[in-house]
N, C-alpha and C. Protein backbone atom coordinates (compact mmCIF):
# COMPACT_ATOMS: atom_id res chain seq x y z
N MET A 1 21.25 -17.54 -9.31
CA MET A 1 20.12 -16.79 -8.67
C MET A 1 19.31 -16.04 -9.89
N PRO A 2 18.04 -16.19 -9.93
CA PRO A 2 17.19 -15.43 -10.81
C PRO A 2 17.42 -13.67 -10.61
N ILE A 3 17.27 -13.04 -11.56
CA ILE A 3 17.24 -11.73 -11.59
C ILE A 3 16.05 -11.09 -10.74
N ALA A 4 14.99 -12.06 -10.70
CA ALA A 4 13.84 -11.38 -9.53
C ALA A 4 14.44 -11.11 -8.24
N PHE A 5 15.22 -12.21 -7.97
CA PHE A 5 15.53 -12.04 -6.48
C PHE A 5 16.59 -10.76 -6.20
N VAL A 6 17.14 -10.35 -7.29
CA VAL A 6 18.02 -9.03 -7.26
C VAL A 6 17.14 -7.88 -7.27
N GLY A 7 16.08 -7.88 -7.97
CA GLY A 7 14.95 -6.62 -7.98
C GLY A 7 14.21 -6.78 -6.67
N ALA A 8 14.14 -7.75 -6.11
CA ALA A 8 13.09 -7.99 -5.02
C ALA A 8 14.07 -7.17 -3.68
N GLY A 9 15.36 -7.46 -3.80
CA GLY A 9 16.39 -6.83 -3.08
C GLY A 9 16.34 -5.47 -3.02
N ALA A 10 16.26 -4.74 -4.19
CA ALA A 10 16.29 -3.48 -4.44
C ALA A 10 14.95 -3.12 -3.85
N GLY A 11 13.96 -3.78 -4.18
CA GLY A 11 12.56 -3.07 -3.63
C GLY A 11 12.59 -3.31 -2.26
N VAL A 12 13.27 -3.96 -1.38
CA VAL A 12 13.34 -4.07 0.02
C VAL A 12 14.23 -2.88 0.37
N ALA A 13 15.12 -2.73 -0.34
CA ALA A 13 16.29 -1.61 0.07
C ALA A 13 15.41 -0.09 -0.12
N VAL A 14 14.54 -0.06 -1.12
CA VAL A 14 13.95 1.21 -1.51
C VAL A 14 12.88 1.46 -0.05
N ALA A 15 11.99 0.15 0.39
CA ALA A 15 11.24 0.19 1.38
C ALA A 15 11.68 0.80 2.48
N ILE A 16 13.08 0.19 2.90
CA ILE A 16 13.83 0.48 4.26
C ILE A 16 14.05 2.05 4.11
N LEU A 17 14.44 2.37 2.73
CA LEU A 17 14.75 4.03 2.72
C LEU A 17 13.40 4.80 2.80
N ALA A 18 12.38 4.36 2.43
CA ALA A 18 11.15 5.36 2.55
C ALA A 18 10.60 5.16 4.22
N ALA A 19 10.81 3.81 4.65
CA ALA A 19 10.53 4.09 6.10
C ALA A 19 11.38 4.68 6.87
N TRP A 20 12.72 4.67 6.66
CA TRP A 20 13.52 5.91 7.37
C TRP A 20 13.15 7.40 6.87
N ARG A 21 12.78 7.52 5.83
CA ARG A 21 12.28 9.11 5.39
C ARG A 21 11.14 9.18 6.09
N GLU A 22 10.07 8.27 6.21
CA GLU A 22 8.81 8.56 6.75
C GLU A 22 9.00 8.94 8.34
N ARG A 23 10.07 8.14 8.84
CA ARG A 23 10.43 8.57 10.26
C ARG A 23 10.84 9.95 10.72
N ARG A 24 11.87 10.24 9.61
CA ARG A 24 12.17 11.45 9.76
C ARG A 24 11.31 12.54 9.76
N ARG A 25 10.27 12.42 8.65
CA ARG A 25 9.18 13.31 8.61
C ARG A 25 8.43 13.67 9.77
N HIS A 26 8.04 12.39 10.37
CA HIS A 26 7.20 12.40 11.51
C HIS A 26 8.01 13.36 12.69
N ARG A 27 9.23 13.18 12.70
CA ARG A 27 10.19 13.58 13.88
C ARG A 27 10.79 15.21 13.60
N ARG A 28 10.19 15.92 12.59
CA ARG A 28 10.95 17.30 12.23
C ARG A 28 10.33 17.90 12.87
N ALA A 29 11.24 18.87 13.12
CA ALA A 29 10.77 20.15 14.21
C ALA A 29 9.97 21.23 13.72
N ASP A 30 10.21 21.36 12.66
CA ASP A 30 9.21 22.52 12.00
C ASP A 30 8.06 21.84 11.15
N LEU A 31 6.79 21.90 12.00
CA LEU A 31 5.36 21.18 11.37
C LEU A 31 5.03 21.89 10.20
N ASP A 32 5.53 23.06 9.87
CA ASP A 32 4.90 23.84 8.91
C ASP A 32 5.31 23.29 7.34
N ARG A 33 6.80 22.64 7.69
CA ARG A 33 7.39 22.39 6.26
C ARG A 33 6.92 20.94 5.93
N VAL A 34 6.32 20.99 4.57
CA VAL A 34 5.59 20.19 4.10
C VAL A 34 6.75 19.17 3.09
N GLY A 35 6.38 17.98 2.99
CA GLY A 35 7.20 17.21 1.87
C GLY A 35 6.67 16.86 0.70
N TRP A 36 7.11 16.56 -0.30
CA TRP A 36 6.62 16.41 -1.74
C TRP A 36 6.34 15.18 -1.88
N ILE A 37 6.82 14.31 -1.22
CA ILE A 37 6.87 12.66 -1.45
C ILE A 37 6.02 12.15 -0.40
N ASP A 38 5.10 11.28 -0.67
CA ASP A 38 4.54 10.51 0.44
C ASP A 38 5.06 9.16 0.65
N TRP A 39 5.75 9.09 1.59
CA TRP A 39 6.74 8.02 1.85
C TRP A 39 6.11 6.76 2.14
N ARG A 40 4.95 6.86 2.79
CA ARG A 40 4.30 5.57 2.92
C ARG A 40 3.68 4.79 1.74
N SER A 41 3.39 5.58 0.72
CA SER A 41 3.05 5.23 -0.59
C SER A 41 4.28 4.39 -1.26
N VAL A 42 5.25 5.19 -1.18
CA VAL A 42 6.52 4.62 -1.98
C VAL A 42 6.89 3.17 -0.95
N GLN A 43 6.74 3.41 0.26
CA GLN A 43 7.06 2.08 0.87
C GLN A 43 6.26 0.84 0.31
N LEU A 44 4.81 1.10 0.53
CA LEU A 44 3.89 0.30 0.40
C LEU A 44 4.22 -0.33 -1.44
N ALA A 45 4.10 0.52 -2.41
CA ALA A 45 4.64 0.06 -3.59
C ALA A 45 5.89 -0.83 -3.65
N ALA A 46 7.00 -0.21 -2.82
CA ALA A 46 8.44 -1.18 -3.10
C ALA A 46 8.18 -2.42 -2.26
N LEU A 47 7.47 -2.56 -1.42
CA LEU A 47 7.12 -3.87 -0.70
C LEU A 47 6.22 -4.84 -1.75
N VAL A 48 5.40 -4.32 -2.35
CA VAL A 48 4.51 -5.00 -3.09
C VAL A 48 5.21 -5.53 -4.36
N VAL A 49 5.98 -4.62 -4.91
CA VAL A 49 7.14 -5.10 -6.05
C VAL A 49 8.06 -6.05 -5.53
N ALA A 50 8.39 -5.99 -4.52
CA ALA A 50 9.26 -7.04 -3.87
C ALA A 50 8.78 -8.48 -3.55
N MET A 51 7.62 -8.37 -3.26
CA MET A 51 6.53 -9.69 -2.86
C MET A 51 6.51 -10.51 -4.52
N ILE A 52 6.13 -9.49 -5.32
CA ILE A 52 5.75 -9.96 -6.70
C ILE A 52 7.24 -10.54 -7.36
N LEU A 53 8.06 -9.96 -6.97
CA LEU A 53 9.44 -10.31 -7.74
C LEU A 53 9.83 -11.73 -6.96
N VAL A 54 9.66 -11.85 -5.67
CA VAL A 54 10.09 -12.90 -4.93
C VAL A 54 9.13 -14.20 -5.50
N SER A 55 7.96 -13.87 -5.66
CA SER A 55 7.12 -14.70 -6.49
C SER A 55 7.24 -15.44 -7.70
N ILE A 56 7.75 -14.35 -8.28
CA ILE A 56 8.18 -14.79 -9.70
C ILE A 56 9.52 -15.53 -9.70
N GLY A 57 10.47 -15.04 -8.75
CA GLY A 57 11.68 -15.76 -8.51
C GLY A 57 11.73 -17.18 -8.23
N LEU A 58 10.43 -17.33 -7.41
CA LEU A 58 10.36 -18.90 -6.76
C LEU A 58 9.61 -19.59 -7.63
N ASN A 59 8.72 -19.11 -8.62
CA ASN A 59 7.94 -19.95 -9.41
C ASN A 59 9.04 -20.22 -10.94
N ALA A 60 10.00 -19.45 -10.88
CA ALA A 60 10.72 -19.73 -12.13
C ALA A 60 11.88 -20.78 -12.13
N ARG A 61 12.10 -21.38 -10.77
CA ARG A 61 12.64 -22.35 -10.64
C ARG A 61 12.34 -23.55 -11.09
């Protein structure tokens, strides 16, 4: 298995973590508490990286 697929799996894991954190941010009780990290951007970047790495892994075969 090419290393690109391992990196893509890590990207998907980061995207799932970011989605979970974004959901928690939307459901928080104290709306005045703001977060430091824009989890949507993290999720988008992780999914783009995962797609690129899958493409590289498929083309390397």
